[in-house]
Amino acid sequence: MEIKLLDIGDAERYRELRIQSLRENPEAFLTTLEIQLAKTIEQVRDNLIPVNGKFTLGAFELHELVGMVTFVRESHPKTMHKGNLLAMYVSPEYRGHGIGKALVQELVSRAAQLDGLEQINLTVIANNDAAKRLYASVGFEVYGTERNAMKEGGQYWDDEFMVLRLK
């Protein structure tokens, strides 16, 4: 397995995996399949350009993109000490092999190098025990719950908020 920083050259593979993630686990993401499908490949490329405080990592097995995670630093002067882990996903056939943990560890390692960054936050569906165990294994701790955080088609999901305080 290889983990690398994604860029515009990875846009097609990233888009395919993002669509897969939204088809398989729509409850786990704030965005929807319809929103993702409406994005042009140029928009996907633009979103993958690493800029100061924003990057996406990909996990590759034999040149196939099988996992991804994004980091976005807060941009307001009063919240720049924080960043967010977003859009974490590993293809089901590759789960249980440490790929997710490796992605999160690499994200933390890269984000920790940003000057003044003190914490990384994330949101996870409350009933996603596997994801919560993964994040806890890297040091994230739950600090709150939002009941009925998302709703689709009459179905509600609770969110748990987790934080990793950097040393």
N, C-alpha and C. Protein backbone atom coordinates (compact mmCIF):
# COMPACT_ATOMS: atom_id res chain seq x y z
N MET A 1 0.84 -1.18 0.00
CA MET A 1 0.00 0.00 0.00
C MET A 1 0.88 1.24 0.00
N GLU A 2 0.44 2.23 -0.75
CA GLU A 2 1.14 3.51 -0.82
C GLU A 2 0.13 4.62 -0.52
N ILE A 3 0.53 5.57 0.34
CA ILE A 3 -0.30 6.73 0.61
C ILE A 3 0.39 7.93 0.00
N LYS A 4 -0.38 8.71 -0.76
CA LYS A 4 0.21 9.89 -1.39
C LYS A 4 -0.78 11.04 -1.39
N LEU A 5 -0.23 12.22 -1.56
CA LEU A 5 -1.01 13.44 -1.69
C LEU A 5 -1.65 13.42 -3.07
N LEU A 6 -2.98 13.57 -3.11
CA LEU A 6 -3.68 13.58 -4.39
C LEU A 6 -3.58 14.97 -5.02
N ASP A 7 -3.59 14.99 -6.35
CA ASP A 7 -3.57 16.25 -7.09
C ASP A 7 -4.47 16.12 -8.31
N ILE A 8 -4.41 17.09 -9.21
CA ILE A 8 -5.34 17.11 -10.34
C ILE A 8 -5.24 15.87 -11.21
N GLY A 9 -4.09 15.23 -11.26
CA GLY A 9 -3.92 14.02 -12.05
C GLY A 9 -4.69 12.83 -11.51
N ASP A 10 -5.15 12.93 -10.27
CA ASP A 10 -5.91 11.85 -9.64
C ASP A 10 -7.41 12.09 -9.66
N ALA A 11 -7.84 13.14 -10.34
CA ALA A 11 -9.24 13.57 -10.25
C ALA A 11 -10.23 12.48 -10.69
N GLU A 12 -9.97 11.80 -11.78
CA GLU A 12 -10.91 10.80 -12.27
C GLU A 12 -11.05 9.65 -11.27
N ARG A 13 -9.91 9.16 -10.78
CA ARG A 13 -9.95 8.06 -9.80
C ARG A 13 -10.60 8.50 -8.50
N TYR A 14 -10.31 9.72 -8.06
CA TYR A 14 -10.92 10.25 -6.85
C TYR A 14 -12.44 10.35 -7.02
N ARG A 15 -12.87 10.89 -8.13
CA ARG A 15 -14.31 11.05 -8.38
C ARG A 15 -15.02 9.70 -8.34
N GLU A 16 -14.43 8.68 -8.96
CA GLU A 16 -15.03 7.34 -8.94
C GLU A 16 -15.16 6.81 -7.51
N LEU A 17 -14.11 6.97 -6.71
CA LEU A 17 -14.15 6.48 -5.34
C LEU A 17 -15.13 7.29 -4.50
N ARG A 18 -15.20 8.58 -4.74
CA ARG A 18 -16.14 9.43 -4.01
C ARG A 18 -17.58 9.02 -4.32
N ILE A 19 -17.87 8.76 -5.58
CA ILE A 19 -19.21 8.30 -5.97
C ILE A 19 -19.51 6.95 -5.32
N GLN A 20 -18.54 6.06 -5.32
CA GLN A 20 -18.71 4.76 -4.66
C GLN A 20 -19.04 4.95 -3.18
N SER A 21 -18.33 5.84 -2.52
CA SER A 21 -18.56 6.07 -1.08
C SER A 21 -19.98 6.56 -0.82
N LEU A 22 -20.48 7.42 -1.69
CA LEU A 22 -21.82 7.98 -1.50
C LEU A 22 -22.91 6.98 -1.86
N ARG A 23 -22.61 6.07 -2.75
CA ARG A 23 -23.58 5.00 -3.07
C ARG A 23 -23.67 3.99 -1.93
N GLU A 24 -22.52 3.64 -1.36
CA GLU A 24 -22.47 2.59 -0.34
C GLU A 24 -22.82 3.08 1.05
N ASN A 25 -22.42 4.27 1.38
CA ASN A 25 -22.63 4.80 2.73
C ASN A 25 -23.14 6.24 2.69
N PRO A 26 -24.31 6.48 2.10
CA PRO A 26 -24.79 7.86 1.99
C PRO A 26 -25.00 8.54 3.33
N GLU A 27 -25.30 7.79 4.36
CA GLU A 27 -25.54 8.37 5.69
C GLU A 27 -24.26 8.90 6.33
N ALA A 28 -23.11 8.48 5.84
CA ALA A 28 -21.85 8.85 6.47
C ALA A 28 -21.30 10.19 6.01
N PHE A 29 -21.94 10.79 5.02
CA PHE A 29 -21.39 12.02 4.44
C PHE A 29 -22.46 13.10 4.37
N LEU A 30 -22.02 14.34 4.53
CA LEU A 30 -22.94 15.46 4.47
C LEU A 30 -23.43 15.70 3.04
N THR A 31 -22.54 15.52 2.07
CA THR A 31 -22.94 15.73 0.69
C THR A 31 -23.76 14.53 0.20
N THR A 32 -24.34 14.68 -0.99
CA THR A 32 -25.16 13.61 -1.55
C THR A 32 -24.58 13.14 -2.87
N LEU A 33 -25.02 11.97 -3.29
CA LEU A 33 -24.60 11.43 -4.57
C LEU A 33 -24.97 12.40 -5.70
N GLU A 34 -26.16 12.97 -5.63
CA GLU A 34 -26.62 13.89 -6.67
C GLU A 34 -25.72 15.12 -6.78
N ILE A 35 -25.31 15.65 -5.65
CA ILE A 35 -24.41 16.80 -5.67
C ILE A 35 -23.07 16.43 -6.29
N GLN A 36 -22.54 15.27 -5.91
CA GLN A 36 -21.26 14.83 -6.45
C GLN A 36 -21.34 14.56 -7.95
N LEU A 37 -22.41 13.93 -8.39
CA LEU A 37 -22.57 13.63 -9.82
C LEU A 37 -22.69 14.91 -10.66
N ALA A 38 -23.20 15.96 -10.06
CA ALA A 38 -23.38 17.22 -10.79
C ALA A 38 -22.06 17.99 -10.95
N LYS A 39 -21.05 17.64 -10.17
CA LYS A 39 -19.76 18.34 -10.27
C LYS A 39 -19.04 17.94 -11.55
N THR A 40 -18.47 18.93 -12.21
CA THR A 40 -17.68 18.66 -13.40
C THR A 40 -16.32 18.12 -12.97
N ILE A 41 -15.64 17.49 -13.88
CA ILE A 41 -14.30 16.99 -13.56
C ILE A 41 -13.35 18.15 -13.27
N GLU A 42 -13.62 19.31 -13.86
CA GLU A 42 -12.80 20.49 -13.57
C GLU A 42 -12.97 20.93 -12.11
N GLN A 43 -14.20 20.86 -11.60
CA GLN A 43 -14.44 21.19 -10.19
C GLN A 43 -13.73 20.20 -9.27
N VAL A 44 -13.76 18.93 -9.63
CA VAL A 44 -13.06 17.91 -8.84
C VAL A 44 -11.57 18.19 -8.85
N ARG A 45 -11.03 18.51 -10.01
CA ARG A 45 -9.59 18.83 -10.10
C ARG A 45 -9.25 20.02 -9.21
N ASP A 46 -10.05 21.08 -9.30
CA ASP A 46 -9.80 22.27 -8.49
C ASP A 46 -9.80 21.94 -7.00
N ASN A 47 -10.74 21.09 -6.57
CA ASN A 47 -10.83 20.72 -5.16
C ASN A 47 -9.65 19.88 -4.69
N LEU A 48 -8.97 19.22 -5.62
CA LEU A 48 -7.82 18.38 -5.24
C LEU A 48 -6.49 19.12 -5.22
N ILE A 49 -6.49 20.37 -5.65
CA ILE A 49 -5.23 21.11 -5.63
C ILE A 49 -4.83 21.37 -4.18
N PRO A 50 -3.70 20.82 -3.76
CA PRO A 50 -3.26 21.07 -2.37
C PRO A 50 -2.88 22.54 -2.21
N VAL A 51 -3.48 23.18 -1.25
CA VAL A 51 -3.13 24.56 -0.92
C VAL A 51 -2.84 24.61 0.57
N ASN A 52 -2.28 25.70 1.02
CA ASN A 52 -1.91 25.82 2.43
C ASN A 52 -3.12 25.52 3.33
N GLY A 53 -3.02 24.44 4.09
CA GLY A 53 -4.07 24.09 5.03
C GLY A 53 -5.18 23.24 4.45
N LYS A 54 -5.04 22.75 3.22
CA LYS A 54 -6.06 21.89 2.61
C LYS A 54 -5.37 20.87 1.71
N PHE A 55 -5.66 19.59 1.96
CA PHE A 55 -5.09 18.55 1.12
C PHE A 55 -5.94 17.27 1.23
N THR A 56 -5.81 16.43 0.22
CA THR A 56 -6.47 15.14 0.22
C THR A 56 -5.42 14.07 0.00
N LEU A 57 -5.50 13.03 0.82
CA LEU A 57 -4.60 11.89 0.70
C LEU A 57 -5.33 10.71 0.09
N GLY A 58 -4.60 9.90 -0.65
CA GLY A 58 -5.17 8.69 -1.23
C GLY A 58 -4.32 7.48 -0.87
N ALA A 59 -4.99 6.35 -0.66
CA ALA A 59 -4.30 5.08 -0.43
C ALA A 59 -4.43 4.25 -1.69
N PHE A 60 -3.31 3.73 -2.15
CA PHE A 60 -3.27 2.97 -3.40
C PHE A 60 -2.81 1.54 -3.13
N GLU A 61 -3.49 0.61 -3.76
CA GLU A 61 -3.07 -0.80 -3.80
C GLU A 61 -2.91 -1.15 -5.27
N LEU A 62 -1.69 -1.50 -5.66
CA LEU A 62 -1.41 -1.85 -7.05
C LEU A 62 -1.97 -0.79 -8.01
N HIS A 63 -1.69 0.47 -7.73
CA HIS A 63 -2.07 1.62 -8.55
C HIS A 63 -3.58 1.89 -8.57
N GLU A 64 -4.34 1.21 -7.73
CA GLU A 64 -5.78 1.46 -7.63
C GLU A 64 -6.04 2.29 -6.37
N LEU A 65 -6.80 3.38 -6.52
CA LEU A 65 -7.17 4.22 -5.38
C LEU A 65 -8.24 3.49 -4.58
N VAL A 66 -7.91 3.14 -3.33
CA VAL A 66 -8.83 2.34 -2.51
C VAL A 66 -9.26 3.06 -1.24
N GLY A 67 -8.68 4.20 -0.95
CA GLY A 67 -9.04 4.95 0.24
C GLY A 67 -8.68 6.41 0.08
N MET A 68 -9.36 7.27 0.87
CA MET A 68 -9.11 8.70 0.78
C MET A 68 -9.52 9.39 2.07
N VAL A 69 -8.93 10.54 2.29
CA VAL A 69 -9.30 11.39 3.42
C VAL A 69 -8.82 12.81 3.11
N THR A 70 -9.58 13.79 3.57
CA THR A 70 -9.27 15.20 3.30
C THR A 70 -9.07 15.95 4.61
N PHE A 71 -8.15 16.91 4.58
CA PHE A 71 -7.93 17.83 5.70
C PHE A 71 -8.19 19.25 5.21
N VAL A 72 -8.93 20.00 6.01
CA VAL A 72 -9.17 21.42 5.70
C VAL A 72 -8.99 22.22 7.00
N ARG A 73 -8.06 23.14 6.95
CA ARG A 73 -7.83 24.01 8.10
C ARG A 73 -8.88 25.11 8.12
N GLU A 74 -9.29 25.49 9.32
CA GLU A 74 -10.20 26.63 9.46
C GLU A 74 -9.51 27.88 8.93
N SER A 75 -10.27 28.80 8.33
CA SER A 75 -9.66 29.96 7.69
C SER A 75 -9.88 31.27 8.44
N HIS A 76 -10.80 31.29 9.39
CA HIS A 76 -11.04 32.51 10.15
C HIS A 76 -9.90 32.71 11.15
N PRO A 77 -9.40 33.92 11.32
CA PRO A 77 -8.27 34.15 12.22
C PRO A 77 -8.47 33.60 13.64
N LYS A 78 -9.70 33.61 14.15
CA LYS A 78 -9.93 33.14 15.51
C LYS A 78 -10.07 31.62 15.61
N THR A 79 -10.14 30.93 14.47
CA THR A 79 -10.28 29.47 14.50
C THR A 79 -9.18 28.75 13.73
N MET A 80 -8.14 29.47 13.33
CA MET A 80 -7.07 28.85 12.54
C MET A 80 -6.24 27.85 13.33
N HIS A 81 -6.46 27.77 14.63
CA HIS A 81 -5.75 26.77 15.42
C HIS A 81 -6.39 25.38 15.26
N LYS A 82 -7.48 25.31 14.47
CA LYS A 82 -8.22 24.06 14.28
C LYS A 82 -8.25 23.68 12.80
N GLY A 83 -8.39 22.38 12.59
CA GLY A 83 -8.59 21.85 11.25
C GLY A 83 -9.57 20.71 11.32
N ASN A 84 -10.02 20.24 10.16
CA ASN A 84 -11.05 19.21 10.11
C ASN A 84 -10.66 18.05 9.21
N LEU A 85 -10.88 16.85 9.70
CA LEU A 85 -10.74 15.64 8.92
C LEU A 85 -12.10 15.38 8.27
N LEU A 86 -12.11 15.22 6.94
CA LEU A 86 -13.36 15.10 6.19
C LEU A 86 -13.28 13.95 5.18
N ALA A 87 -14.45 13.47 4.78
CA ALA A 87 -14.61 12.56 3.64
C ALA A 87 -13.72 11.32 3.71
N MET A 88 -13.58 10.75 4.89
CA MET A 88 -12.78 9.53 5.08
C MET A 88 -13.54 8.34 4.49
N TYR A 89 -12.84 7.55 3.67
CA TYR A 89 -13.49 6.37 3.09
C TYR A 89 -12.43 5.38 2.62
N VAL A 90 -12.71 4.10 2.87
CA VAL A 90 -11.91 2.99 2.35
C VAL A 90 -12.88 2.01 1.71
N SER A 91 -12.57 1.55 0.50
CA SER A 91 -13.42 0.58 -0.19
C SER A 91 -13.63 -0.64 0.70
N PRO A 92 -14.86 -1.17 0.74
CA PRO A 92 -15.17 -2.30 1.63
C PRO A 92 -14.22 -3.48 1.51
N GLU A 93 -13.80 -3.82 0.31
CA GLU A 93 -12.93 -4.99 0.14
C GLU A 93 -11.52 -4.78 0.69
N TYR A 94 -11.18 -3.54 1.04
CA TYR A 94 -9.85 -3.25 1.59
C TYR A 94 -9.90 -2.88 3.07
N ARG A 95 -11.08 -2.91 3.67
CA ARG A 95 -11.19 -2.60 5.09
C ARG A 95 -10.62 -3.73 5.94
N GLY A 96 -10.17 -3.37 7.12
CA GLY A 96 -9.63 -4.37 8.04
C GLY A 96 -8.17 -4.69 7.80
N HIS A 97 -7.50 -3.90 6.95
CA HIS A 97 -6.09 -4.15 6.64
C HIS A 97 -5.20 -2.98 7.06
N GLY A 98 -5.74 -2.07 7.87
CA GLY A 98 -4.95 -0.95 8.37
C GLY A 98 -4.85 0.24 7.44
N ILE A 99 -5.56 0.22 6.33
CA ILE A 99 -5.48 1.32 5.37
C ILE A 99 -6.08 2.60 5.95
N GLY A 100 -7.24 2.48 6.58
CA GLY A 100 -7.87 3.65 7.18
C GLY A 100 -6.98 4.28 8.25
N LYS A 101 -6.42 3.45 9.09
CA LYS A 101 -5.55 3.96 10.15
C LYS A 101 -4.31 4.64 9.55
N ALA A 102 -3.75 4.04 8.52
CA ALA A 102 -2.58 4.64 7.88
C ALA A 102 -2.92 5.99 7.27
N LEU A 103 -4.10 6.10 6.66
CA LEU A 103 -4.53 7.38 6.09
C LEU A 103 -4.68 8.44 7.17
N VAL A 104 -5.34 8.09 8.27
CA VAL A 104 -5.55 9.06 9.35
C VAL A 104 -4.21 9.45 9.99
N GLN A 105 -3.34 8.49 10.19
CA GLN A 105 -2.03 8.80 10.78
C GLN A 105 -1.23 9.74 9.87
N GLU A 106 -1.28 9.50 8.57
CA GLU A 106 -0.55 10.37 7.64
C GLU A 106 -1.18 11.77 7.61
N LEU A 107 -2.50 11.84 7.66
CA LEU A 107 -3.17 13.14 7.72
C LEU A 107 -2.73 13.90 8.97
N VAL A 108 -2.73 13.24 10.11
CA VAL A 108 -2.32 13.88 11.36
C VAL A 108 -0.86 14.34 11.28
N SER A 109 -0.01 13.49 10.73
CA SER A 109 1.40 13.83 10.61
C SER A 109 1.61 15.07 9.75
N ARG A 110 0.92 15.13 8.63
CA ARG A 110 1.06 16.29 7.74
C ARG A 110 0.43 17.55 8.35
N ALA A 111 -0.75 17.40 8.92
CA ALA A 111 -1.43 18.55 9.50
C ALA A 111 -0.65 19.12 10.69
N ALA A 112 -0.04 18.26 11.47
CA ALA A 112 0.71 18.70 12.65
C ALA A 112 1.88 19.59 12.28
N GLN A 113 2.31 19.56 11.05
CA GLN A 113 3.42 20.40 10.60
C GLN A 113 2.99 21.83 10.27
N LEU A 114 1.68 22.06 10.23
CA LEU A 114 1.18 23.40 9.93
C LEU A 114 1.36 24.30 11.15
N ASP A 115 1.99 25.43 10.93
CA ASP A 115 2.30 26.35 12.02
C ASP A 115 1.02 26.80 12.73
N GLY A 116 1.00 26.64 14.05
CA GLY A 116 -0.10 27.12 14.86
C GLY A 116 -1.29 26.18 14.97
N LEU A 117 -1.27 25.04 14.27
CA LEU A 117 -2.40 24.11 14.36
C LEU A 117 -2.33 23.38 15.70
N GLU A 118 -3.44 23.40 16.44
CA GLU A 118 -3.48 22.79 17.77
C GLU A 118 -4.40 21.59 17.87
N GLN A 119 -5.41 21.51 16.99
CA GLN A 119 -6.34 20.38 17.09
C GLN A 119 -6.95 20.05 15.74
N ILE A 120 -7.34 18.78 15.63
CA ILE A 120 -8.04 18.28 14.45
C ILE A 120 -9.38 17.75 14.92
N ASN A 121 -10.44 18.24 14.29
CA ASN A 121 -11.80 17.82 14.61
C ASN A 121 -12.35 16.93 13.51
N LEU A 122 -13.34 16.13 13.87
CA LEU A 122 -14.06 15.35 12.87
C LEU A 122 -15.46 15.07 13.39
N THR A 123 -16.32 14.72 12.47
CA THR A 123 -17.69 14.32 12.79
C THR A 123 -17.90 12.92 12.24
N VAL A 124 -18.52 12.06 13.03
CA VAL A 124 -18.76 10.68 12.62
C VAL A 124 -20.18 10.29 13.01
N ILE A 125 -20.84 9.50 12.17
CA ILE A 125 -22.18 9.01 12.49
C ILE A 125 -22.09 8.19 13.78
N ALA A 126 -22.97 8.47 14.72
CA ALA A 126 -22.88 7.88 16.06
C ALA A 126 -22.91 6.36 16.06
N ASN A 127 -23.58 5.74 15.09
CA ASN A 127 -23.65 4.28 15.10
C ASN A 127 -22.56 3.61 14.26
N ASN A 128 -21.59 4.37 13.79
CA ASN A 128 -20.49 3.81 13.01
C ASN A 128 -19.35 3.42 13.96
N ASP A 129 -19.54 2.30 14.63
CA ASP A 129 -18.59 1.86 15.66
C ASP A 129 -17.20 1.60 15.09
N ALA A 130 -17.12 1.04 13.89
CA ALA A 130 -15.80 0.76 13.30
C ALA A 130 -15.01 2.05 13.09
N ALA A 131 -15.66 3.07 12.55
CA ALA A 131 -14.98 4.35 12.33
C ALA A 131 -14.56 4.98 13.65
N LYS A 132 -15.45 4.92 14.63
CA LYS A 132 -15.11 5.52 15.94
C LYS A 132 -13.93 4.80 16.58
N ARG A 133 -13.87 3.47 16.45
CA ARG A 133 -12.72 2.72 16.98
C ARG A 133 -11.44 3.12 16.26
N LEU A 134 -11.53 3.28 14.94
CA LEU A 134 -10.37 3.69 14.16
C LEU A 134 -9.86 5.04 14.65
N TYR A 135 -10.74 6.03 14.75
CA TYR A 135 -10.32 7.36 15.17
C TYR A 135 -9.77 7.33 16.60
N ALA A 136 -10.40 6.59 17.48
CA ALA A 136 -9.92 6.49 18.87
C ALA A 136 -8.53 5.86 18.91
N SER A 137 -8.27 4.91 18.03
CA SER A 137 -6.96 4.25 18.02
C SER A 137 -5.82 5.19 17.66
N VAL A 138 -6.16 6.31 17.01
CA VAL A 138 -5.17 7.31 16.64
C VAL A 138 -5.11 8.43 17.69
N GLY A 139 -6.06 8.43 18.62
CA GLY A 139 -6.03 9.41 19.71
C GLY A 139 -7.20 10.38 19.74
N PHE A 140 -8.14 10.28 18.82
CA PHE A 140 -9.31 11.15 18.84
C PHE A 140 -10.23 10.77 20.00
N GLU A 141 -10.86 11.78 20.59
CA GLU A 141 -11.79 11.56 21.71
C GLU A 141 -13.12 12.23 21.40
N VAL A 142 -14.21 11.59 21.80
CA VAL A 142 -15.55 12.16 21.62
C VAL A 142 -15.72 13.32 22.60
N TYR A 143 -16.24 14.44 22.11
CA TYR A 143 -16.51 15.57 23.00
C TYR A 143 -17.96 16.04 22.93
N GLY A 144 -18.77 15.41 22.09
CA GLY A 144 -20.17 15.81 22.05
C GLY A 144 -20.96 15.02 21.03
N THR A 145 -22.28 15.12 21.15
CA THR A 145 -23.20 14.44 20.25
C THR A 145 -24.29 15.41 19.83
N GLU A 146 -24.64 15.35 18.56
CA GLU A 146 -25.78 16.11 18.06
C GLU A 146 -26.84 15.12 17.62
N ARG A 147 -27.96 15.14 18.30
CA ARG A 147 -29.08 14.27 17.94
C ARG A 147 -29.72 14.78 16.65
N ASN A 148 -30.14 13.85 15.81
CA ASN A 148 -30.82 14.19 14.55
C ASN A 148 -30.02 15.19 13.72
N ALA A 149 -28.73 14.99 13.65
CA ALA A 149 -27.85 15.92 12.93
C ALA A 149 -28.13 15.95 11.43
N MET A 150 -28.47 14.80 10.87
CA MET A 150 -28.79 14.73 9.45
C MET A 150 -30.12 14.01 9.28
N LYS A 151 -30.79 14.38 8.19
CA LYS A 151 -32.09 13.77 7.90
C LYS A 151 -32.20 13.58 6.40
N GLU A 152 -32.64 12.39 6.02
CA GLU A 152 -32.91 12.12 4.62
C GLU A 152 -34.05 11.12 4.54
N GLY A 153 -35.08 11.48 3.79
CA GLY A 153 -36.20 10.57 3.60
C GLY A 153 -36.87 10.11 4.88
N GLY A 154 -36.96 10.98 5.86
CA GLY A 154 -37.58 10.62 7.12
C GLY A 154 -36.67 9.88 8.09
N GLN A 155 -35.46 9.57 7.69
CA GLN A 155 -34.47 8.88 8.53
C GLN A 155 -33.52 9.91 9.14
N TYR A 156 -33.28 9.82 10.44
CA TYR A 156 -32.35 10.70 11.14
C TYR A 156 -31.09 9.94 11.51
N TRP A 157 -29.97 10.68 11.58
CA TRP A 157 -28.72 10.13 12.08
C TRP A 157 -28.13 11.11 13.08
N ASP A 158 -27.60 10.58 14.16
CA ASP A 158 -26.90 11.38 15.16
C ASP A 158 -25.43 11.48 14.76
N ASP A 159 -24.82 12.61 15.06
CA ASP A 159 -23.38 12.80 14.84
C ASP A 159 -22.67 12.84 16.18
N GLU A 160 -21.47 12.28 16.19
CA GLU A 160 -20.57 12.46 17.33
C GLU A 160 -19.40 13.29 16.86
N PHE A 161 -18.98 14.20 17.71
CA PHE A 161 -17.86 15.08 17.41
C PHE A 161 -16.64 14.55 18.15
N MET A 162 -15.53 14.45 17.43
CA MET A 162 -14.29 13.95 18.01
C MET A 162 -13.18 14.97 17.77
N VAL A 163 -12.22 14.96 18.65
CA VAL A 163 -11.09 15.89 18.54
C VAL A 163 -9.79 15.16 18.89
N LEU A 164 -8.73 15.57 18.21
CA LEU A 164 -7.38 15.14 18.53
C LEU A 164 -6.60 16.41 18.83
N ARG A 165 -6.15 16.53 20.05
CA ARG A 165 -5.36 17.70 20.45
C ARG A 165 -3.88 17.39 20.16
N LEU A 166 -3.27 18.24 19.37
CA LEU A 166 -1.87 18.05 18.99
C LEU A 166 -0.97 18.58 20.10
N LYS A 167 0.13 17.94 20.25
CA LYS A 167 1.07 18.35 21.31
C LYS A 167 2.00 19.43 20.84
